[in-house]
């Protein structure tokens, strides 16, 4: 990319907002919530997205 604002070159927008969604423990990790499973992870992520 040549000079200028690299983010503008990527998004085509003059101003951009970058957000991050945090995931809880995933399957195979010690703190994974087997009771709620992947549905619990999806619900967790949706709450984070709503907050953004």
C-alpha atoms as a PDB file:
ATOM      1  CA  UNK A   1       0.000   0.000   0.000  1.00  0.00           C
ATOM      2  CA  UNK A   2       1.327   3.353  -0.907  1.00  0.00           C
ATOM      3  CA  UNK A   3       1.413   5.981   1.843  1.00  0.00           C
ATOM      4  CA  UNK A   4      -1.855   7.511   3.003  1.00  0.00           C
ATOM      5  CA  UNK A   5      -4.238   5.824   5.370  1.00  0.00           C
ATOM      6  CA  UNK A   6      -3.924   2.040   5.012  1.00  0.00           C
ATOM      7  CA  UNK A   7      -7.257   1.436   6.745  1.00  0.00           C
ATOM      8  CA  UNK A   8      -9.023   3.780   4.367  1.00  0.00           C
ATOM      9  CA  UNK A   9      -7.478   1.906   1.450  1.00  0.00           C
ATOM     10  CA  UNK A  10      -8.803  -1.395   2.851  1.00  0.00           C
ATOM     11  CA  UNK A  11     -12.316  -0.280   3.852  1.00  0.00           C
ATOM     12  CA  UNK A  12     -12.983   2.501   1.372  1.00  0.00           C
ATOM     13  CA  UNK A  13     -14.198   4.658   4.280  1.00  0.00           C
ATOM     14  CA  UNK A  14     -12.656   7.844   5.640  1.00  0.00           C
ATOM     15  CA  UNK A  15     -13.262   6.732   9.239  1.00  0.00           C
ATOM     16  CA  UNK A  16     -13.460   3.168  10.527  1.00  0.00           C
ATOM     17  CA  UNK A  17     -14.278   1.527  13.829  1.00  0.00           C
ATOM     18  CA  UNK A  18     -12.531  -1.671  14.816  1.00  0.00           C
ATOM     19  CA  UNK A  19     -14.086  -3.881  17.483  1.00  0.00           C
ATOM     20  CA  UNK A  20     -13.128  -7.126  19.147  1.00  0.00           C
ATOM     21  CA  UNK A  21     -15.332  -9.953  20.335  1.00  0.00           C
ATOM     22  CA  UNK A  22     -13.915 -12.094  23.131  1.00  0.00           C
ATOM     23  CA  UNK A  23     -14.683 -15.801  23.219  1.00  0.00           C
ATOM     24  CA  UNK A  24     -15.160 -17.871  26.355  1.00  0.00           C
ATOM     25  CA  UNK A  25     -13.337 -21.172  26.759  1.00  0.00           C
ATOM     26  CA  UNK A  26     -13.680 -23.326  23.641  1.00  0.00           C
ATOM     27  CA  UNK A  27     -14.207 -27.105  23.437  1.00  0.00           C
ATOM     28  CA  UNK A  28     -11.110 -28.990  24.515  1.00  0.00           C
ATOM     29  CA  UNK A  29      -9.937 -26.321  26.966  1.00  0.00           C
ATOM     30  CA  UNK A  30     -10.118 -26.701  30.763  1.00  0.00           C
ATOM     31  CA  UNK A  31     -12.817 -24.075  31.439  1.00  0.00           C
ATOM     32  CA  UNK A  32     -15.147 -25.086  28.592  1.00  0.00           C
ATOM     33  CA  UNK A  33     -18.789 -25.062  29.735  1.00  0.00           C
ATOM     34  CA  UNK A  34     -20.067 -28.477  28.637  1.00  0.00           C
ATOM     35  CA  UNK A  35     -23.557 -27.753  29.987  1.00  0.00           C
ATOM     36  CA  UNK A  36     -24.131 -24.818  27.613  1.00  0.00           C
ATOM     37  CA  UNK A  37     -21.900 -26.094  24.796  1.00  0.00           C
ATOM     38  CA  UNK A  38     -21.554 -24.172  21.555  1.00  0.00           C
ATOM     39  CA  UNK A  39     -24.932 -22.515  22.105  1.00  0.00           C
ATOM     40  CA  UNK A  40     -23.481 -20.859  25.205  1.00  0.00           C
ATOM     41  CA  UNK A  41     -20.478 -19.635  23.213  1.00  0.00           C
ATOM     42  CA  UNK A  42     -22.751 -18.250  20.488  1.00  0.00           C
ATOM     43  CA  UNK A  43     -24.891 -16.468  23.116  1.00  0.00           C
ATOM     44  CA  UNK A  44     -21.748 -15.035  24.760  1.00  0.00           C
ATOM     45  CA  UNK A  45     -20.490 -13.682  21.411  1.00  0.00           C
ATOM     46  CA  UNK A  46     -23.902 -12.192  20.575  1.00  0.00           C
ATOM     47  CA  UNK A  47     -23.891 -10.302  23.890  1.00  0.00           C
ATOM     48  CA  UNK A  48     -20.434  -8.921  23.078  1.00  0.00           C
ATOM     49  CA  UNK A  49     -21.617  -7.882  19.607  1.00  0.00           C
ATOM     50  CA  UNK A  50     -24.689  -6.162  21.049  1.00  0.00           C
ATOM     51  CA  UNK A  51     -22.426  -4.242  23.440  1.00  0.00           C
ATOM     52  CA  UNK A  52     -20.368  -3.000  20.493  1.00  0.00           C
END
